[in-house]
Amino acid sequence: GPGSNMSFINEPGLEGSASLSPALKVDF
């Protein structure tokens, strides 16, 4: 994660490579 000095992120979160397409998928 990016540390505590953030407005919208409270560690931990899901982190990964931004260069993938798609970078992330969520199935419901």
mmCIF file of all heavy atoms, coordinates in Angstrom:
data_MODEL
# 
_entry.id   MODEL 
# 
loop_
_atom_site.group_PDB 
_atom_site.id 
_atom_site.type_symbol 
_atom_site.label_atom_id 
_atom_site.label_alt_id 
_atom_site.label_comp_id 
_atom_site.label_asym_id 
_atom_site.label_entity_id 
_atom_site.label_seq_id 
_atom_site.pdbx_PDB_ins_code 
_atom_site.Cartn_x 
_atom_site.Cartn_y 
_atom_site.Cartn_z 
_atom_site.occupancy 
_atom_site.B_iso_or_equiv 
_atom_site.pdbx_formal_charge 
_atom_site.auth_seq_id 
_atom_site.auth_comp_id 
_atom_site.auth_asym_id 
_atom_site.auth_atom_id 
_atom_site.pdbx_PDB_model_num 
ATOM 1   N N   . GLY A 1 1  ? 0.789   -1.226  0.000   1.00 0.00 ? 1  GLY A N   1 
ATOM 2   C CA  . GLY A 1 1  ? 0.000   0.000   0.000   1.00 0.00 ? 1  GLY A CA  1 
ATOM 3   C C   . GLY A 1 1  ? 0.819   1.272   0.000   1.00 0.00 ? 1  GLY A C   1 
ATOM 4   O O   . GLY A 1 1  ? 2.041   1.255   0.061   1.00 0.00 ? 1  GLY A O   1 
ATOM 5   N N   . PRO A 1 2  ? 0.123   2.417   -0.062  1.00 0.00 ? 2  PRO A N   1 
ATOM 6   C CA  . PRO A 1 2  ? 0.777   3.713   -0.207  1.00 0.00 ? 2  PRO A CA  1 
ATOM 7   C C   . PRO A 1 2  ? 1.085   4.426   1.106   1.00 0.00 ? 2  PRO A C   1 
ATOM 8   O O   . PRO A 1 2  ? 1.541   5.558   1.096   1.00 0.00 ? 2  PRO A O   1 
ATOM 9   C CB  . PRO A 1 2  ? -0.245  4.509   -1.020  1.00 0.00 ? 2  PRO A CB  1 
ATOM 10  C CG  . PRO A 1 2  ? -1.552  3.971   -0.537  1.00 0.00 ? 2  PRO A CG  1 
ATOM 11  C CD  . PRO A 1 2  ? -1.329  2.517   -0.253  1.00 0.00 ? 2  PRO A CD  1 
ATOM 12  N N   . GLY A 1 3  ? 0.808   3.821   2.231   1.00 0.00 ? 3  GLY A N   1 
ATOM 13  C CA  . GLY A 1 3  ? 1.033   4.504   3.503   1.00 0.00 ? 3  GLY A CA  1 
ATOM 14  C C   . GLY A 1 3  ? -0.232  5.144   4.038   1.00 0.00 ? 3  GLY A C   1 
ATOM 15  O O   . GLY A 1 3  ? -1.306  5.038   3.450   1.00 0.00 ? 3  GLY A O   1 
ATOM 16  N N   . SER A 1 4  ? -0.102  5.821   5.144   1.00 0.00 ? 4  SER A N   1 
ATOM 17  C CA  . SER A 1 4  ? -1.281  6.366   5.839   1.00 0.00 ? 4  SER A CA  1 
ATOM 18  C C   . SER A 1 4  ? -1.690  7.750   5.361   1.00 0.00 ? 4  SER A C   1 
ATOM 19  O O   . SER A 1 4  ? -2.782  8.213   5.672   1.00 0.00 ? 4  SER A O   1 
ATOM 20  C CB  . SER A 1 4  ? -1.011  6.416   7.343   1.00 0.00 ? 4  SER A CB  1 
ATOM 21  O OG  . SER A 1 4  ? 0.122   7.238   7.617   1.00 0.00 ? 4  SER A OG  1 
ATOM 22  N N   . ASN A 1 5  ? -0.831  8.438   4.607   1.00 0.00 ? 5  ASN A N   1 
ATOM 23  C CA  . ASN A 1 5  ? -1.120  9.810   4.190   1.00 0.00 ? 5  ASN A CA  1 
ATOM 24  C C   . ASN A 1 5  ? -1.952  9.815   2.909   1.00 0.00 ? 5  ASN A C   1 
ATOM 25  O O   . ASN A 1 5  ? -1.544  10.335  1.868   1.00 0.00 ? 5  ASN A O   1 
ATOM 26  C CB  . ASN A 1 5  ? 0.184   10.589  3.986   1.00 0.00 ? 5  ASN A CB  1 
ATOM 27  C CG  . ASN A 1 5  ? -0.071  12.068  3.720   1.00 0.00 ? 5  ASN A CG  1 
ATOM 28  O OD1 . ASN A 1 5  ? -0.995  12.651  4.289   1.00 0.00 ? 5  ASN A OD1 1 
ATOM 29  N ND2 . ASN A 1 5  ? 0.734   12.660  2.861   1.00 0.00 ? 5  ASN A ND2 1 
ATOM 30  N N   . MET A 1 6  ? -3.155  9.219   2.995   1.00 0.00 ? 6  MET A N   1 
ATOM 31  C CA  . MET A 1 6  ? -4.052  9.110   1.843   1.00 0.00 ? 6  MET A CA  1 
ATOM 32  C C   . MET A 1 6  ? -5.479  9.406   2.297   1.00 0.00 ? 6  MET A C   1 
ATOM 33  O O   . MET A 1 6  ? -5.835  9.191   3.454   1.00 0.00 ? 6  MET A O   1 
ATOM 34  C CB  . MET A 1 6  ? -3.985  7.711   1.234   1.00 0.00 ? 6  MET A CB  1 
ATOM 35  C CG  . MET A 1 6  ? -2.595  7.243   0.834   1.00 0.00 ? 6  MET A CG  1 
ATOM 36  S SD  . MET A 1 6  ? -1.868  8.158   -0.547  1.00 0.00 ? 6  MET A SD  1 
ATOM 37  C CE  . MET A 1 6  ? -2.916  7.613   -1.895  1.00 0.00 ? 6  MET A CE  1 
ATOM 38  N N   . SER A 1 7  ? -6.296  9.856   1.353   1.00 0.00 ? 7  SER A N   1 
ATOM 39  C CA  . SER A 1 7  ? -7.691  10.175  1.673   1.00 0.00 ? 7  SER A CA  1 
ATOM 40  C C   . SER A 1 7  ? -8.635  8.996   1.483   1.00 0.00 ? 7  SER A C   1 
ATOM 41  O O   . SER A 1 7  ? -9.613  8.844   2.220   1.00 0.00 ? 7  SER A O   1 
ATOM 42  C CB  . SER A 1 7  ? -8.177  11.335  0.798   1.00 0.00 ? 7  SER A CB  1 
ATOM 43  O OG  . SER A 1 7  ? -7.459  12.511  1.047   1.00 0.00 ? 7  SER A OG  1 
ATOM 44  N N   . PHE A 1 8  ? -8.369  8.141   0.492   1.00 0.00 ? 8  PHE A N   1 
ATOM 45  C CA  . PHE A 1 8  ? -9.335  7.119   0.108   1.00 0.00 ? 8  PHE A CA  1 
ATOM 46  C C   . PHE A 1 8  ? -8.843  5.697   0.308   1.00 0.00 ? 8  PHE A C   1 
ATOM 47  O O   . PHE A 1 8  ? -9.573  4.750   0.026   1.00 0.00 ? 8  PHE A O   1 
ATOM 48  C CB  . PHE A 1 8  ? -9.727  7.301   -1.365  1.00 0.00 ? 8  PHE A CB  1 
ATOM 49  C CG  . PHE A 1 8  ? -10.139 8.702   -1.702  1.00 0.00 ? 8  PHE A CG  1 
ATOM 50  C CD1 . PHE A 1 8  ? -9.611  9.348   -2.817  1.00 0.00 ? 8  PHE A CD1 1 
ATOM 51  C CD2 . PHE A 1 8  ? -11.037 9.390   -0.912  1.00 0.00 ? 8  PHE A CD2 1 
ATOM 52  C CE1 . PHE A 1 8  ? -9.981  10.636  -3.131  1.00 0.00 ? 8  PHE A CE1 1 
ATOM 53  C CE2 . PHE A 1 8  ? -11.413 10.689  -1.213  1.00 0.00 ? 8  PHE A CE2 1 
ATOM 54  C CZ  . PHE A 1 8  ? -10.890 11.318  -2.321  1.00 0.00 ? 8  PHE A CZ  1 
ATOM 55  N N   . ILE A 1 9  ? -7.602  5.532   0.774   1.00 0.00 ? 9  ILE A N   1 
ATOM 56  C CA  . ILE A 1 9  ? -7.030  4.209   0.968   1.00 0.00 ? 9  ILE A CA  1 
ATOM 57  C C   . ILE A 1 9  ? -6.651  4.035   2.431   1.00 0.00 ? 9  ILE A C   1 
ATOM 58  O O   . ILE A 1 9  ? -5.966  4.873   3.004   1.00 0.00 ? 9  ILE A O   1 
ATOM 59  C CB  . ILE A 1 9  ? -5.763  4.006   0.104   1.00 0.00 ? 9  ILE A CB  1 
ATOM 60  C CG1 . ILE A 1 9  ? -6.085  4.227   -1.375  1.00 0.00 ? 9  ILE A CG1 1 
ATOM 61  C CG2 . ILE A 1 9  ? -5.166  2.633   0.336   1.00 0.00 ? 9  ILE A CG2 1 
ATOM 62  C CD1 . ILE A 1 9  ? -7.028  3.218   -1.965  1.00 0.00 ? 9  ILE A CD1 1 
ATOM 63  N N   . ASN A 1 10 ? -7.130  2.945   3.018   1.00 0.00 ? 10 ASN A N   1 
ATOM 64  C CA  . ASN A 1 10 ? -6.732  2.569   4.372   1.00 0.00 ? 10 ASN A CA  1 
ATOM 65  C C   . ASN A 1 10 ? -6.125  1.181   4.287   1.00 0.00 ? 10 ASN A C   1 
ATOM 66  O O   . ASN A 1 10 ? -6.835  0.208   4.076   1.00 0.00 ? 10 ASN A O   1 
ATOM 67  C CB  . ASN A 1 10 ? -7.929  2.563   5.319   1.00 0.00 ? 10 ASN A CB  1 
ATOM 68  C CG  . ASN A 1 10 ? -8.675  3.887   5.319   1.00 0.00 ? 10 ASN A CG  1 
ATOM 69  O OD1 . ASN A 1 10 ? -9.742  3.998   4.723   1.00 0.00 ? 10 ASN A OD1 1 
ATOM 70  N ND2 . ASN A 1 10 ? -8.117  4.877   5.971   1.00 0.00 ? 10 ASN A ND2 1 
ATOM 71  N N   . GLU A 1 11 ? -4.814  1.088   4.432   1.00 0.00 ? 11 GLU A N   1 
ATOM 72  C CA  . GLU A 1 11 ? -4.149  -0.207  4.252   1.00 0.00 ? 11 GLU A CA  1 
ATOM 73  C C   . GLU A 1 11 ? -4.713  -1.260  5.201   1.00 0.00 ? 11 GLU A C   1 
ATOM 74  O O   . GLU A 1 11 ? -5.120  -0.927  6.310   1.00 0.00 ? 11 GLU A O   1 
ATOM 75  C CB  . GLU A 1 11 ? -2.649  -0.026  4.481   1.00 0.00 ? 11 GLU A CB  1 
ATOM 76  C CG  . GLU A 1 11 ? -1.974  0.842   3.447   1.00 0.00 ? 11 GLU A CG  1 
ATOM 77  C CD  . GLU A 1 11 ? -0.468  0.900   3.663   1.00 0.00 ? 11 GLU A CD  1 
ATOM 78  O OE1 . GLU A 1 11 ? 0.055   0.125   4.484   1.00 0.00 ? 11 GLU A OE1 1 
ATOM 79  O OE2 . GLU A 1 11 ? 0.178   1.722   3.012   1.00 0.00 ? 11 GLU A OE2 1 
ATOM 80  N N   . PRO A 1 12 ? -4.699  -2.530  4.793   1.00 0.00 ? 12 PRO A N   1 
ATOM 81  C CA  . PRO A 1 12 ? -4.282  -3.007  3.478   1.00 0.00 ? 12 PRO A CA  1 
ATOM 82  C C   . PRO A 1 12 ? -5.386  -2.862  2.433   1.00 0.00 ? 12 PRO A C   1 
ATOM 83  O O   . PRO A 1 12 ? -6.545  -2.617  2.772   1.00 0.00 ? 12 PRO A O   1 
ATOM 84  C CB  . PRO A 1 12 ? -3.989  -4.482  3.737   1.00 0.00 ? 12 PRO A CB  1 
ATOM 85  C CG  . PRO A 1 12 ? -4.981  -4.850  4.801   1.00 0.00 ? 12 PRO A CG  1 
ATOM 86  C CD  . PRO A 1 12 ? -5.082  -3.628  5.691   1.00 0.00 ? 12 PRO A CD  1 
ATOM 87  N N   . GLY A 1 13 ? -5.006  -3.016  1.175   1.00 0.00 ? 13 GLY A N   1 
ATOM 88  C CA  . GLY A 1 13 ? -5.946  -3.048  0.067   1.00 0.00 ? 13 GLY A CA  1 
ATOM 89  C C   . GLY A 1 13 ? -5.458  -4.083  -0.916  1.00 0.00 ? 13 GLY A C   1 
ATOM 90  O O   . GLY A 1 13 ? -4.502  -4.805  -0.627  1.00 0.00 ? 13 GLY A O   1 
ATOM 91  N N   . LEU A 1 14 ? -6.107  -4.176  -2.074  1.00 0.00 ? 14 LEU A N   1 
ATOM 92  C CA  . LEU A 1 14 ? -5.626  -5.083  -3.115  1.00 0.00 ? 14 LEU A CA  1 
ATOM 93  C C   . LEU A 1 14 ? -4.710  -4.305  -4.043  1.00 0.00 ? 14 LEU A C   1 
ATOM 94  O O   . LEU A 1 14 ? -5.117  -3.318  -4.647  1.00 0.00 ? 14 LEU A O   1 
ATOM 95  C CB  . LEU A 1 14 ? -6.791  -5.678  -3.902  1.00 0.00 ? 14 LEU A CB  1 
ATOM 96  C CG  . LEU A 1 14 ? -7.646  -6.731  -3.194  1.00 0.00 ? 14 LEU A CG  1 
ATOM 97  C CD1 . LEU A 1 14 ? -8.652  -7.322  -4.168  1.00 0.00 ? 14 LEU A CD1 1 
ATOM 98  C CD2 . LEU A 1 14 ? -6.793  -7.836  -2.583  1.00 0.00 ? 14 LEU A CD2 1 
ATOM 99  N N   . GLU A 1 15 ? -3.465  -4.766  -4.181  1.00 0.00 ? 15 GLU A N   1 
ATOM 100 C CA  . GLU A 1 15 ? -2.461  -4.066  -4.966  1.00 0.00 ? 15 GLU A CA  1 
ATOM 101 C C   . GLU A 1 15 ? -1.959  -4.974  -6.082  1.00 0.00 ? 15 GLU A C   1 
ATOM 102 O O   . GLU A 1 15 ? -1.809  -6.185  -5.900  1.00 0.00 ? 15 GLU A O   1 
ATOM 103 C CB  . GLU A 1 15 ? -1.297  -3.672  -4.054  1.00 0.00 ? 15 GLU A CB  1 
ATOM 104 C CG  . GLU A 1 15 ? -0.146  -2.988  -4.736  1.00 0.00 ? 15 GLU A CG  1 
ATOM 105 C CD  . GLU A 1 15 ? 1.011   -2.801  -3.773  1.00 0.00 ? 15 GLU A CD  1 
ATOM 106 O OE1 . GLU A 1 15 ? 0.903   -1.949  -2.869  1.00 0.00 ? 15 GLU A OE1 1 
ATOM 107 O OE2 . GLU A 1 15 ? 2.022   -3.519  -3.912  1.00 0.00 ? 15 GLU A OE2 1 
ATOM 108 N N   . GLY A 1 16 ? -1.696  -4.384  -7.269  1.00 0.00 ? 16 GLY A N   1 
ATOM 109 C CA  . GLY A 1 16 ? -1.184  -5.173  -8.378  1.00 0.00 ? 16 GLY A CA  1 
ATOM 110 C C   . GLY A 1 16 ? -0.644  -4.301  -9.481  1.00 0.00 ? 16 GLY A C   1 
ATOM 111 O O   . GLY A 1 16 ? -0.580  -3.069  -9.360  1.00 0.00 ? 16 GLY A O   1 
ATOM 112 N N   . SER A 1 17 ? -0.262  -4.939  -10.586 1.00 0.00 ? 17 SER A N   1 
ATOM 113 C CA  . SER A 1 17 ? 0.320   -4.239  -11.719 1.00 0.00 ? 17 SER A CA  1 
ATOM 114 C C   . SER A 1 17 ? -0.751  -3.489  -12.503 1.00 0.00 ? 17 SER A C   1 
ATOM 115 O O   . SER A 1 17 ? -1.759  -4.074  -12.912 1.00 0.00 ? 17 SER A O   1 
ATOM 116 C CB  . SER A 1 17 ? 1.028   -5.236  -12.644 1.00 0.00 ? 17 SER A CB  1 
ATOM 117 O OG  . SER A 1 17 ? 1.425   -4.612  -13.842 1.00 0.00 ? 17 SER A OG  1 
ATOM 118 N N   . ALA A 1 18 ? -0.515  -2.203  -12.761 1.00 0.00 ? 18 ALA A N   1 
ATOM 119 C CA  . ALA A 1 18 ? -1.470  -1.386  -13.504 1.00 0.00 ? 18 ALA A CA  1 
ATOM 120 C C   . ALA A 1 18 ? -1.338  -1.571  -15.009 1.00 0.00 ? 18 ALA A C   1 
ATOM 121 O O   . ALA A 1 18 ? -2.176  -1.096  -15.772 1.00 0.00 ? 18 ALA A O   1 
ATOM 122 C CB  . ALA A 1 18 ? -1.284  0.089   -13.145 1.00 0.00 ? 18 ALA A CB  1 
ATOM 123 N N   . SER A 1 19 ? -0.292  -2.254  -15.477 1.00 0.00 ? 19 SER A N   1 
ATOM 124 C CA  . SER A 1 19 ? -0.063  -2.398  -16.912 1.00 0.00 ? 19 SER A CA  1 
ATOM 125 C C   . SER A 1 19 ? -0.854  -3.540  -17.533 1.00 0.00 ? 19 SER A C   1 
ATOM 126 O O   . SER A 1 19 ? -0.933  -3.649  -18.757 1.00 0.00 ? 19 SER A O   1 
ATOM 127 C CB  . SER A 1 19 ? 1.430   -2.615  -17.181 1.00 0.00 ? 19 SER A CB  1 
ATOM 128 O OG  . SER A 1 19 ? 1.877   -3.821  -16.589 1.00 0.00 ? 19 SER A OG  1 
ATOM 129 N N   . LEU A 1 20 ? -1.456  -4.404  -16.713 1.00 0.00 ? 20 LEU A N   1 
ATOM 130 C CA  . LEU A 1 20 ? -2.255  -5.508  -17.238 1.00 0.00 ? 20 LEU A CA  1 
ATOM 131 C C   . LEU A 1 20 ? -3.605  -4.996  -17.737 1.00 0.00 ? 20 LEU A C   1 
ATOM 132 O O   . LEU A 1 20 ? -4.112  -3.975  -17.288 1.00 0.00 ? 20 LEU A O   1 
ATOM 133 C CB  . LEU A 1 20 ? -2.479  -6.555  -16.148 1.00 0.00 ? 20 LEU A CB  1 
ATOM 134 C CG  . LEU A 1 20 ? -1.222  -7.219  -15.589 1.00 0.00 ? 20 LEU A CG  1 
ATOM 135 C CD1 . LEU A 1 20 ? -1.586  -8.126  -14.416 1.00 0.00 ? 20 LEU A CD1 1 
ATOM 136 C CD2 . LEU A 1 20 ? -0.491  -8.004  -16.672 1.00 0.00 ? 20 LEU A CD2 1 
ATOM 137 N N   . SER A 1 21 ? -4.192  -5.735  -18.683 1.00 0.00 ? 21 SER A N   1 
ATOM 138 C CA  . SER A 1 21 ? -5.503  -5.348  -19.210 1.00 0.00 ? 21 SER A CA  1 
ATOM 139 C C   . SER A 1 21 ? -6.389  -6.592  -19.341 1.00 0.00 ? 21 SER A C   1 
ATOM 140 O O   . SER A 1 21 ? -6.154  -7.446  -20.206 1.00 0.00 ? 21 SER A O   1 
ATOM 141 C CB  . SER A 1 21 ? -5.348  -4.665  -20.562 1.00 0.00 ? 21 SER A CB  1 
ATOM 142 O OG  . SER A 1 21 ? -6.601  -4.235  -21.051 1.00 0.00 ? 21 SER A OG  1 
ATOM 143 N N   . PRO A 1 22 ? -7.403  -6.745  -18.483 1.00 0.00 ? 22 PRO A N   1 
ATOM 144 C CA  . PRO A 1 22 ? -7.688  -5.859  -17.359 1.00 0.00 ? 22 PRO A CA  1 
ATOM 145 C C   . PRO A 1 22 ? -6.703  -6.089  -16.217 1.00 0.00 ? 22 PRO A C   1 
ATOM 146 O O   . PRO A 1 22 ? -6.125  -7.173  -16.097 1.00 0.00 ? 22 PRO A O   1 
ATOM 147 C CB  . PRO A 1 22 ? -9.107  -6.257  -16.947 1.00 0.00 ? 22 PRO A CB  1 
ATOM 148 C CG  . PRO A 1 22 ? -9.187  -7.717  -17.299 1.00 0.00 ? 22 PRO A CG  1 
ATOM 149 C CD  . PRO A 1 22 ? -8.385  -7.867  -18.568 1.00 0.00 ? 22 PRO A CD  1 
ATOM 150 N N   . ALA A 1 23 ? -6.543  -5.077  -15.401 1.00 0.00 ? 23 ALA A N   1 
ATOM 151 C CA  . ALA A 1 23 ? -5.641  -5.200  -14.255 1.00 0.00 ? 23 ALA A CA  1 
ATOM 152 C C   . ALA A 1 23 ? -6.270  -6.035  -13.151 1.00 0.00 ? 23 ALA A C   1 
ATOM 153 O O   . ALA A 1 23 ? -5.565  -6.688  -12.380 1.00 0.00 ? 23 ALA A O   1 
ATOM 154 C CB  . ALA A 1 23 ? -5.283  -3.817  -13.726 1.00 0.00 ? 23 ALA A CB  1 
ATOM 155 N N   . LEU A 1 24 ? -7.601  -6.029  -13.098 1.00 0.00 ? 24 LEU A N   1 
ATOM 156 C CA  . LEU A 1 24 ? -8.318  -6.692  -12.007 1.00 0.00 ? 24 LEU A CA  1 
ATOM 157 C C   . LEU A 1 24 ? -9.733  -6.987  -12.472 1.00 0.00 ? 24 LEU A C   1 
ATOM 158 O O   . LEU A 1 24 ? -10.317 -6.229  -13.254 1.00 0.00 ? 24 LEU A O   1 
ATOM 159 C CB  . LEU A 1 24 ? -8.339  -5.779  -10.780 1.00 0.00 ? 24 LEU A CB  1 
ATOM 160 C CG  . LEU A 1 24 ? -9.045  -6.259  -9.512  1.00 0.00 ? 24 LEU A CG  1 
ATOM 161 C CD1 . LEU A 1 24 ? -8.363  -7.498  -8.949  1.00 0.00 ? 24 LEU A CD1 1 
ATOM 162 C CD2 . LEU A 1 24 ? -9.046  -5.148  -8.469  1.00 0.00 ? 24 LEU A CD2 1 
ATOM 163 N N   . LYS A 1 25 ? -10.286 -8.101  -12.001 1.00 0.00 ? 25 LYS A N   1 
ATOM 164 C CA  . LYS A 1 25 ? -11.672 -8.467  -12.298 1.00 0.00 ? 25 LYS A CA  1 
ATOM 165 C C   . LYS A 1 25 ? -12.367 -8.851  -11.009 1.00 0.00 ? 25 LYS A C   1 
ATOM 166 O O   . LYS A 1 25 ? -11.758 -9.452  -10.117 1.00 0.00 ? 25 LYS A O   1 
ATOM 167 C CB  . LYS A 1 25 ? -11.723 -9.647  -13.276 1.00 0.00 ? 25 LYS A CB  1 
ATOM 168 C CG  . LYS A 1 25 ? -13.141 -10.079 -13.652 1.00 0.00 ? 25 LYS A CG  1 
ATOM 169 C CD  . LYS A 1 25 ? -13.133 -11.291 -14.562 1.00 0.00 ? 25 LYS A CD  1 
ATOM 170 C CE  . LYS A 1 25 ? -14.548 -11.689 -14.954 1.00 0.00 ? 25 LYS A CE  1 
ATOM 171 N NZ  . LYS A 1 25 ? -14.588 -12.917 -15.778 1.00 0.00 ? 25 LYS A NZ  1 
ATOM 172 N N   . VAL A 1 26 ? -13.635 -8.488  -10.908 1.00 0.00 ? 26 VAL A N   1 
ATOM 173 C CA  . VAL A 1 26 ? -14.445 -8.940  -9.784  1.00 0.00 ? 26 VAL A CA  1 
ATOM 174 C C   . VAL A 1 26 ? -15.683 -9.625  -10.346 1.00 0.00 ? 26 VAL A C   1 
ATOM 175 O O   . VAL A 1 26 ? -16.362 -9.094  -11.225 1.00 0.00 ? 26 VAL A O   1 
ATOM 176 C CB  . VAL A 1 26 ? -14.836 -7.785  -8.834  1.00 0.00 ? 26 VAL A CB  1 
ATOM 177 C CG1 . VAL A 1 26 ? -15.581 -6.667  -9.551  1.00 0.00 ? 26 VAL A CG1 1 
ATOM 178 C CG2 . VAL A 1 26 ? -15.661 -8.310  -7.659  1.00 0.00 ? 26 VAL A CG2 1 
ATOM 179 N N   . ASP A 1 27 ? -15.948 -10.842 -9.873  1.00 0.00 ? 27 ASP A N   1 
ATOM 180 C CA  . ASP A 1 27 ? -17.132 -11.606 -10.270 1.00 0.00 ? 27 ASP A CA  1 
ATOM 181 C C   . ASP A 1 27 ? -18.142 -11.610 -9.130  1.00 0.00 ? 27 ASP A C   1 
ATOM 182 O O   . ASP A 1 27 ? -17.787 -11.874 -7.976  1.00 0.00 ? 27 ASP A O   1 
ATOM 183 C CB  . ASP A 1 27 ? -16.740 -13.044 -10.602 1.00 0.00 ? 27 ASP A CB  1 
ATOM 184 C CG  . ASP A 1 27 ? -15.994 -13.155 -11.915 1.00 0.00 ? 27 ASP A CG  1 
ATOM 185 O OD1 . ASP A 1 27 ? -16.640 -13.042 -12.970 1.00 0.00 ? 27 ASP A OD1 1 
ATOM 186 O OD2 . ASP A 1 27 ? -14.755 -13.346 -11.872 1.00 0.00 ? 27 ASP A OD2 1 
ATOM 187 N N   . PHE A 1 28 ? -19.398 -11.335 -9.475  1.00 0.00 ? 28 PHE A N   1 
ATOM 188 C CA  . PHE A 1 28 ? -20.500 -11.398 -8.514  1.00 0.00 ? 28 PHE A CA  1 
ATOM 189 C C   . PHE A 1 28 ? -21.312 -12.642 -8.866  1.00 0.00 ? 28 PHE A C   1 
ATOM 190 O O   . PHE A 1 28 ? -22.195 -12.592 -9.718  1.00 0.00 ? 28 PHE A O   1 
ATOM 191 C CB  . PHE A 1 28 ? -21.361 -10.138 -8.595  1.00 0.00 ? 28 PHE A CB  1 
ATOM 192 C CG  . PHE A 1 28 ? -20.580 -8.864  -8.456  1.00 0.00 ? 28 PHE A CG  1 
ATOM 193 C CD1 . PHE A 1 28 ? -20.305 -8.083  -9.576  1.00 0.00 ? 28 PHE A CD1 1 
ATOM 194 C CD2 . PHE A 1 28 ? -20.102 -8.450  -7.224  1.00 0.00 ? 28 PHE A CD2 1 
ATOM 195 C CE1 . PHE A 1 28 ? -19.585 -6.908  -9.462  1.00 0.00 ? 28 PHE A CE1 1 
ATOM 196 C CE2 . PHE A 1 28 ? -19.376 -7.281  -7.100  1.00 0.00 ? 28 PHE A CE2 1 
ATOM 197 C CZ  . PHE A 1 28 ? -19.111 -6.495  -8.225  1.00 0.00 ? 28 PHE A CZ  1 
# 
